[in-house]
Amino acid sequence: MPFAHITGWGMYVPEPVLTNDDIAKLVDTNDAWIRDRTGIRERHIARENDFPSTLAVEASIKALQVANLAPTELDLIICSTSSPEYIFPATACIIQDQIGATKAGAFDLLAACSGFIFATNMAAQAIRSGSIKNALVIGTETLSRFVDWKDRNTCILFGDGAGAFVLQASDKPGGVLSAVMHSDGSGANSLTLLGGGARHPATELTLHEGKHFVQMDGKEVFRFATRVMGRAAIEALELAGMTTNDVQWIIPHQANFRIIETAAKYLKMPLEKFIINVENYGNTSTASIPIATVEGVEKEKLKVGDKVVFVGFGAGLTWGAMVVEWTGPLPATKNVHPEQYRRFARFRSWIRRTLRFIEGIFFRREL
């Protein structure tokens, strides 16, 4: 049975930065109030021409470059997002086309902020089963589009960005060692976006009632998160036959510094073993764990052989954790340039549309 290694990683955030002082001009709040309750100082906000797919493409190309893998070698793309571009088609399909992954199946996964752990686990399972060799897992968000900028309890929290992992099959031990995934739908109303789905399609009334904005019971989500984060990490470690003493790094979902602090106390681990960047990005939902991981690599914290725990929670309610042995890129047998595949994306899409049109003509004649 092959092992599923994380061999590539990349992140991308839009350039505009919104500080706490900027938000204080919109709602009754201030920098000290926000930092004391969340640990957030600033967040990146998508521009008009930034979308989940465009952010994801940038992160994906970087991850493929690290892995030295051509997009045409991908078998599977899973995009985890809470802010998809459309209900359908899947944002993953748009990304698949734009990066030139012509042989990959692609789909979206919705598990809110836990989604990246869920998606990485699904990709790892597919690799270990032998059904695929190479996968791209993406977390991408433009949640700022769904924030009520008059609600100081939610508008201070969210930022935009994307992160991506490449997973590859290898006979070498390591990579994803274990994972746990949990959900409790009885808490579905604690964190939700009601409008736009089948129950509340977009109407003048849903717009008037603010159903297209994120709604959150902050106290309930805080209680839930502090209860499950540490437990999930311990559960995943036990499945891997390990304890916290074996762990070099915890990379948690970056929602709130106080939640991370509480998880550290539960695990009886120093905060120095946690990779934390919520101060600079806010809650980027599914993108937060890969963004923090990339920064951990760039700052030379993560090293080959390190045992790492990813742990997160989100709407649903959902939560999960994963234990990984960090091994880095596989030995290179050739040099590839993933960026080149993106350059020809529009031309390639035009060719494929033309071929489908011609194929349709001949198919109708056969009928």
Protein backbone atom coordinates (compact mmCIF):
# COMPACT_ATOMS: atom_id res chain seq x y z
CA MET A 1 0.00 0.00 0.00
CA PRO A 2 1.58 3.33 -1.03
CA PHE A 3 2.04 6.22 1.38
CA ALA A 4 0.50 9.64 0.69
CA HIS A 5 3.12 12.37 1.02
CA ILE A 6 2.66 16.13 0.99
CA THR A 7 5.22 17.05 -1.64
CA GLY A 8 4.17 20.57 -2.63
CA TRP A 9 2.65 23.60 -0.97
CA GLY A 10 1.68 27.11 -1.95
CA MET A 11 -0.35 30.08 -0.75
CA TYR A 12 -1.70 33.30 -2.14
CA VAL A 13 -3.51 36.24 -0.55
CA PRO A 14 -4.92 39.35 -2.27
CA GLU A 15 -2.91 42.52 -1.83
CA PRO A 16 -5.41 44.85 -0.09
CA VAL A 17 -5.00 44.81 3.68
CA LEU A 18 -7.77 45.86 6.06
CA THR A 19 -6.51 46.77 9.52
CA ASN A 20 -8.46 46.97 12.74
CA ASP A 21 -8.24 50.76 12.54
CA ASP A 22 -9.87 50.59 9.11
CA ILE A 23 -12.74 48.52 10.51
CA ALA A 24 -13.13 51.01 13.36
CA LYS A 25 -14.20 53.52 10.71
CA LEU A 26 -17.08 51.21 9.72
CA VAL A 27 -18.44 49.94 13.06
CA ASP A 28 -18.20 50.80 16.75
CA THR A 29 -14.96 49.02 17.65
CA ASN A 30 -11.24 49.63 18.04
CA ASP A 31 -7.93 47.87 17.59
CA ALA A 32 -7.50 46.96 21.25
CA TRP A 33 -11.01 45.46 21.50
CA ILE A 34 -10.48 43.27 18.43
CA ARG A 35 -6.98 42.12 19.35
CA ASP A 36 -7.98 41.29 22.92
CA ARG A 37 -10.89 39.08 21.81
CA THR A 38 -9.46 37.50 18.66
CA GLY A 39 -5.74 38.17 18.32
CA ILE A 40 -6.38 39.58 14.84
CA ARG A 41 -4.58 42.76 13.75
CA GLU A 42 -5.28 42.78 10.00
CA ARG A 43 -6.68 40.68 7.17
CA HIS A 44 -6.41 40.57 3.36
CA ILE A 45 -9.54 41.41 1.34
CA ALA A 46 -10.32 40.28 -2.20
CA ARG A 47 -10.44 42.90 -4.94
CA GLU A 48 -13.29 43.03 -7.46
CA ASN A 49 -11.38 40.81 -9.87
CA ASP A 50 -10.31 38.31 -7.17
CA PHE A 51 -12.34 35.12 -6.96
CA PRO A 52 -11.90 31.78 -5.18
CA SER A 53 -10.64 30.28 -8.43
CA THR A 54 -8.11 33.04 -9.19
CA LEU A 55 -6.66 32.90 -5.68
CA ALA A 56 -6.58 29.10 -5.85
CA VAL A 57 -4.81 29.05 -9.22
CA GLU A 58 -1.96 31.17 -7.82
CA ALA A 59 -1.58 28.92 -4.76
CA SER A 60 -1.85 25.76 -6.87
CA ILE A 61 0.85 26.78 -9.36
CA LYS A 62 3.21 27.48 -6.46
CA ALA A 63 2.44 24.08 -4.90
CA LEU A 64 3.04 22.30 -8.22
CA GLN A 65 6.33 24.16 -8.63
CA VAL A 66 7.52 22.96 -5.21
CA ALA A 67 6.47 19.40 -6.04
CA ASN A 68 8.06 19.66 -9.51
CA LEU A 69 4.85 18.20 -10.93
CA ALA A 70 3.12 19.12 -14.17
CA PRO A 71 -0.62 19.87 -13.95
CA THR A 72 -1.22 17.16 -16.58
CA GLU A 73 0.11 14.59 -14.09
CA LEU A 74 -2.67 15.31 -11.58
CA ASP A 75 -5.32 12.62 -11.18
CA LEU A 76 -7.58 14.47 -8.74
CA ILE A 77 -8.35 18.03 -7.59
CA ILE A 78 -10.39 18.69 -4.46
CA CYS A 79 -11.32 22.28 -3.70
CA SER A 80 -12.48 22.93 -0.17
CA THR A 81 -14.34 26.23 0.09
CA SER A 82 -17.14 27.90 2.02
CA SER A 83 -17.46 30.63 -0.61
CA PRO A 84 -17.69 28.86 -3.97
CA GLU A 85 -17.96 30.92 -7.12
CA TYR A 86 -21.22 29.22 -8.04
CA ILE A 87 -23.54 26.59 -6.61
CA PHE A 88 -22.52 24.75 -9.75
CA PRO A 89 -20.27 24.22 -11.61
CA ALA A 90 -17.71 23.32 -8.95
CA THR A 91 -14.99 25.86 -8.36
CA ALA A 92 -12.57 22.93 -8.63
CA CYS A 93 -13.51 22.48 -12.29
CA ILE A 94 -12.73 26.12 -13.04
CA ILE A 95 -9.34 25.71 -11.34
CA GLN A 96 -8.71 22.45 -13.22
CA ASP A 97 -9.18 24.23 -16.53
CA GLN A 98 -7.14 27.31 -15.62
CA ILE A 99 -4.06 25.37 -14.47
CA GLY A 100 -4.20 22.92 -17.39
CA ALA A 101 -4.86 19.75 -15.38
CA THR A 102 -6.50 18.07 -18.36
CA LYS A 103 -6.48 14.53 -16.92
CA ALA A 104 -7.77 15.31 -13.42
CA GLY A 105 -11.20 14.74 -11.97
CA ALA A 106 -12.30 17.74 -9.90
CA PHE A 107 -14.94 18.46 -7.28
CA ASP A 108 -15.72 20.81 -4.39
CA LEU A 109 -15.95 19.77 -0.76
CA LEU A 110 -18.01 21.75 1.75
CA ALA A 111 -17.17 21.19 5.40
CA ALA A 112 -16.58 24.84 6.32
CA CYS A 113 -13.32 25.57 8.15
CA SER A 114 -12.65 21.85 8.71
CA GLY A 115 -12.84 21.26 4.98
CA PHE A 116 -9.12 21.31 4.21
CA ILE A 117 -8.45 18.50 6.69
CA PHE A 118 -11.39 16.51 5.28
CA ALA A 119 -10.24 17.07 1.68
CA THR A 120 -6.61 16.18 2.41
CA ASN A 121 -7.76 12.99 4.13
CA MET A 122 -9.91 12.02 1.13
CA ALA A 123 -7.02 12.60 -1.26
CA ALA A 124 -4.67 10.59 0.97
CA GLN A 125 -7.16 7.71 1.13
CA ALA A 126 -7.46 7.68 -2.65
CA ILE A 127 -3.67 7.51 -2.97
CA ARG A 128 -3.32 4.78 -0.36
CA SER A 129 -6.00 2.73 -2.11
CA GLY A 130 -3.90 2.74 -5.26
CA SER A 131 -6.59 4.35 -7.38
CA ILE A 132 -4.61 7.57 -7.99
CA LYS A 133 -1.01 8.74 -7.71
CA ASN A 134 -1.14 12.55 -7.63
CA ALA A 135 -3.68 14.91 -6.07
CA LEU A 136 -4.08 18.64 -5.55
CA VAL A 137 -5.99 19.82 -2.46
CA ILE A 138 -6.98 23.47 -2.23
CA GLY A 139 -8.55 25.67 0.42
CA THR A 140 -9.72 28.97 -1.04
CA GLU A 141 -12.01 31.69 0.29
CA THR A 142 -13.43 35.12 -0.43
CA LEU A 143 -15.61 35.21 2.67
CA SER A 144 -15.41 39.01 2.77
CA ARG A 145 -18.12 38.94 0.09
CA PHE A 146 -20.52 37.42 2.64
CA VAL A 147 -19.73 39.63 5.62
CA ASP A 148 -22.14 42.22 6.99
CA TRP A 149 -19.83 45.19 7.46
CA LYS A 150 -22.30 46.66 9.95
CA ASP A 151 -22.02 43.63 12.28
CA ARG A 152 -18.97 44.14 14.46
CA ASN A 153 -19.16 40.58 15.82
CA THR A 154 -18.45 39.00 12.43
CA CYS A 155 -16.87 41.64 10.17
CA ILE A 156 -13.73 41.73 12.33
CA LEU A 157 -13.04 38.02 11.85
CA PHE A 158 -12.74 36.99 8.23
CA GLY A 159 -10.06 37.41 5.60
CA ASP A 160 -9.50 36.10 2.09
CA GLY A 161 -6.82 33.82 0.68
CA ALA A 162 -5.92 30.40 -0.69
CA GLY A 163 -3.57 27.56 0.15
CA ALA A 164 -2.80 24.32 -1.64
CA PHE A 165 -1.06 20.98 -1.09
CA VAL A 166 0.16 18.46 -3.65
CA LEU A 167 -0.11 14.88 -2.41
CA GLN A 168 1.79 12.06 -4.15
CA ALA A 169 2.11 8.31 -3.79
CA SER A 170 5.42 6.91 -2.57
CA ASP A 171 6.78 3.64 -1.23
CA LYS A 172 8.75 5.61 1.35
CA PRO A 173 7.05 5.60 4.79
CA GLY A 174 5.70 8.94 6.00
CA GLY A 175 3.20 11.51 4.83
CA VAL A 176 -0.35 11.36 6.16
CA LEU A 177 -0.30 8.95 9.09
CA SER A 178 -3.82 9.29 10.48
CA ALA A 179 -6.91 11.47 10.41
CA VAL A 180 -10.25 11.88 12.19
CA MET A 181 -13.35 13.64 10.89
CA HIS A 182 -16.43 14.49 12.98
CA SER A 183 -19.68 16.40 12.65
CA ASP A 184 -22.67 17.40 14.79
CA GLY A 185 -25.54 18.84 12.77
CA SER A 186 -27.48 19.73 15.92
CA GLY A 187 -25.29 22.83 16.04
CA ALA A 188 -25.92 23.81 12.42
CA ASN A 189 -27.52 27.14 13.36
CA SER A 190 -24.49 28.27 15.38
CA LEU A 191 -22.60 29.36 12.28
CA THR A 192 -24.44 29.66 8.99
CA LEU A 193 -25.10 31.48 5.75
CA LEU A 194 -28.80 30.94 5.07
CA GLY A 195 -29.44 32.69 1.76
CA GLY A 196 -28.80 31.43 -1.74
CA GLY A 197 -29.51 27.74 -1.24
CA ALA A 198 -32.59 25.65 -1.97
CA ARG A 199 -34.29 26.51 1.32
CA HIS A 200 -33.85 30.27 0.97
CA PRO A 201 -33.29 31.10 -2.73
CA ALA A 202 -32.27 34.67 -3.42
CA THR A 203 -35.27 36.97 -3.28
CA GLU A 204 -35.92 40.56 -2.32
CA LEU A 205 -37.05 39.27 1.09
CA THR A 206 -33.88 37.24 1.77
CA LEU A 207 -31.79 40.28 0.85
CA HIS A 208 -33.85 42.51 3.15
CA GLU A 209 -33.51 40.01 6.02
CA GLY A 210 -29.73 39.75 5.61
CA LYS A 211 -29.78 36.02 4.93
CA HIS A 212 -26.85 36.36 2.53
CA PHE A 213 -24.49 37.39 5.32
CA VAL A 214 -22.58 35.13 7.70
CA GLN A 215 -24.51 34.67 10.94
CA MET A 216 -22.79 33.39 14.05
CA ASP A 217 -23.47 32.67 17.68
CA GLY A 218 -20.00 33.66 18.80
CA LYS A 219 -20.23 32.35 22.37
CA GLU A 220 -21.53 28.95 21.28
CA VAL A 221 -18.88 28.57 18.57
CA PHE A 222 -16.16 29.52 21.07
CA ARG A 223 -17.40 26.93 23.58
CA PHE A 224 -17.62 24.27 20.88
CA ALA A 225 -14.16 25.00 19.45
CA THR A 226 -12.37 24.99 22.78
CA ARG A 227 -14.05 21.68 23.62
CA VAL A 228 -13.17 19.75 20.45
CA MET A 229 -9.80 21.05 19.25
CA GLY A 230 -7.64 19.30 21.84
CA ARG A 231 -9.72 16.13 21.82
CA ALA A 232 -9.47 15.75 18.06
CA ALA A 233 -5.69 16.18 18.14
CA ILE A 234 -5.33 13.49 20.83
CA GLU A 235 -7.63 11.14 18.91
CA ALA A 236 -5.61 11.49 15.70
CA LEU A 237 -2.35 10.99 17.60
CA GLU A 238 -3.66 7.81 19.22
CA LEU A 239 -4.62 6.44 15.80
CA ALA A 240 -1.04 7.09 14.66
CA GLY A 241 0.33 5.39 17.80
CA MET A 242 1.80 8.63 19.05
CA THR A 243 1.50 11.13 21.90
CA THR A 244 2.03 14.88 22.15
CA ASN A 245 5.65 14.17 23.14
CA ASP A 246 6.27 12.93 19.59
CA VAL A 247 4.96 16.12 17.99
CA GLN A 248 7.16 18.96 16.78
CA TRP A 249 4.37 21.24 15.52
CA ILE A 250 0.63 21.83 15.85
CA ILE A 251 -0.88 23.78 12.96
CA PRO A 252 -4.42 24.76 14.00
CA HIS A 253 -7.22 26.44 12.13
CA GLN A 254 -6.54 30.17 12.53
CA ALA A 255 -9.90 31.42 13.82
CA ASN A 256 -9.12 33.02 17.15
CA PHE A 257 -5.95 33.23 19.23
CA ARG A 258 -7.84 32.56 22.45
CA ILE A 259 -9.19 29.28 21.04
CA ILE A 260 -5.68 28.20 20.07
CA GLU A 261 -4.43 29.19 23.51
CA THR A 262 -7.11 27.05 25.16
CA ALA A 263 -6.23 24.07 22.94
CA ALA A 264 -2.57 24.41 23.95
CA LYS A 265 -3.52 24.29 27.63
CA TYR A 266 -5.67 21.18 27.06
CA LEU A 267 -2.81 19.44 25.26
CA LYS A 268 -0.32 20.66 27.89
CA MET A 269 1.91 21.95 25.11
CA PRO A 270 3.70 25.32 24.92
CA LEU A 271 2.40 27.86 22.42
CA GLU A 272 5.89 27.86 20.92
CA LYS A 273 4.97 24.51 19.33
CA PHE A 274 1.97 26.06 17.56
CA ILE A 275 2.34 27.77 14.20
CA ILE A 276 0.09 30.83 14.53
CA ASN A 277 -0.48 33.63 12.02
CA VAL A 278 -4.07 34.70 12.76
CA GLU A 279 -2.75 38.16 13.61
CA ASN A 280 -1.91 38.88 9.97
CA TYR A 281 -4.69 37.09 8.08
CA GLY A 282 -7.74 36.71 10.29
CA ASN A 283 -9.94 33.68 9.76
CA THR A 284 -9.43 32.51 6.18
CA SER A 285 -11.57 29.41 6.81
CA THR A 286 -10.46 26.46 4.66
CA ALA A 287 -7.32 28.31 3.58
CA SER A 288 -5.98 28.96 7.07
CA ILE A 289 -4.16 25.65 7.70
CA PRO A 290 -2.30 25.52 4.36
CA ILE A 291 -1.40 29.23 4.60
CA ALA A 292 0.03 28.68 8.09
CA THR A 293 1.88 25.58 6.85
CA VAL A 294 3.49 27.48 3.98
CA GLU A 295 4.65 30.19 6.36
CA GLY A 296 6.01 27.50 8.68
CA VAL A 297 8.14 26.16 5.82
CA GLU A 298 9.24 29.61 4.68
CA LYS A 299 10.32 30.53 8.22
CA GLU A 300 12.27 27.23 8.42
CA LYS A 301 10.19 25.89 11.27
CA LEU A 302 8.99 22.73 9.51
CA LYS A 303 11.78 20.27 8.76
CA VAL A 304 11.97 16.84 7.15
CA GLY A 305 10.99 14.18 9.67
CA ASP A 306 8.89 16.48 11.84
CA LYS A 307 5.62 15.10 13.14
CA VAL A 308 2.86 17.66 12.58
CA VAL A 309 -0.77 17.80 13.68
CA PHE A 310 -3.34 19.73 11.65
CA VAL A 311 -6.50 20.43 13.65
CA GLY A 312 -9.58 22.49 12.88
CA PHE A 313 -13.27 23.12 13.43
CA GLY A 314 -16.04 24.85 11.55
CA ALA A 315 -19.69 25.28 10.69
CA GLY A 316 -21.75 22.17 10.44
CA LEU A 317 -20.67 21.75 13.15
CA THR A 318 -17.55 19.94 11.93
CA TRP A 319 -14.13 19.23 13.36
CA GLY A 320 -11.14 17.04 12.63
CA ALA A 321 -7.42 16.46 12.95
CA MET A 322 -4.61 14.87 10.97
CA VAL A 323 -1.12 13.62 11.84
CA VAL A 324 1.56 14.02 9.17
CA GLU A 325 5.22 13.13 8.96
CA TRP A 326 6.73 15.99 6.98
CA THR A 327 8.92 14.64 4.18
CA GLY A 328 8.95 17.34 1.52
CA PRO A 329 9.20 16.93 -2.27
CA LEU A 330 9.94 13.54 -3.82
CA PRO A 331 13.31 13.14 -5.59
CA ALA A 332 13.15 14.97 -8.92
CA THR A 333 13.60 13.01 -12.15
CA LYS A 334 12.93 16.00 -14.42
CA ASN A 335 12.31 19.74 -14.29
CA VAL A 336 8.79 20.92 -15.08
CA HIS A 337 7.30 24.40 -15.33
CA PRO A 338 3.65 24.38 -14.17
CA GLU A 339 3.31 28.07 -15.00
CA GLN A 340 3.55 27.30 -18.72
CA TYR A 341 0.37 25.24 -18.60
CA ARG A 342 -1.59 28.18 -17.23
CA ARG A 343 -0.38 30.49 -19.98
CA PHE A 344 -2.18 28.42 -22.60
CA ALA A 345 -5.36 27.92 -20.56
CA ARG A 346 -7.62 30.19 -22.64
CA PHE A 347 -6.38 28.78 -25.94
CA ARG A 348 -6.73 25.24 -24.65
CA SER A 349 -10.29 25.92 -23.43
CA TRP A 350 -11.21 27.35 -26.85
CA ILE A 351 -9.83 24.23 -28.55
CA ARG A 352 -11.77 21.91 -26.23
CA ARG A 353 -15.02 23.86 -26.73
CA THR A 354 -14.53 23.70 -30.50
CA LEU A 355 -13.89 19.97 -30.38
CA ARG A 356 -17.02 19.42 -28.28
CA PHE A 357 -19.04 21.41 -30.81
CA ILE A 358 -17.71 19.35 -33.73
CA GLU A 359 -18.20 16.11 -31.81
CA GLY A 360 -21.80 17.14 -31.12
CA ILE A 361 -22.48 17.65 -34.82
CA PHE A 362 -21.25 14.18 -35.75
CA PHE A 363 -23.07 12.61 -32.80
CA ARG A 364 -26.38 14.12 -33.92
CA ARG A 365 -25.78 12.79 -37.43
CA GLU A 366 -25.20 9.30 -36.03
CA LEU A 367 -28.52 9.48 -34.20
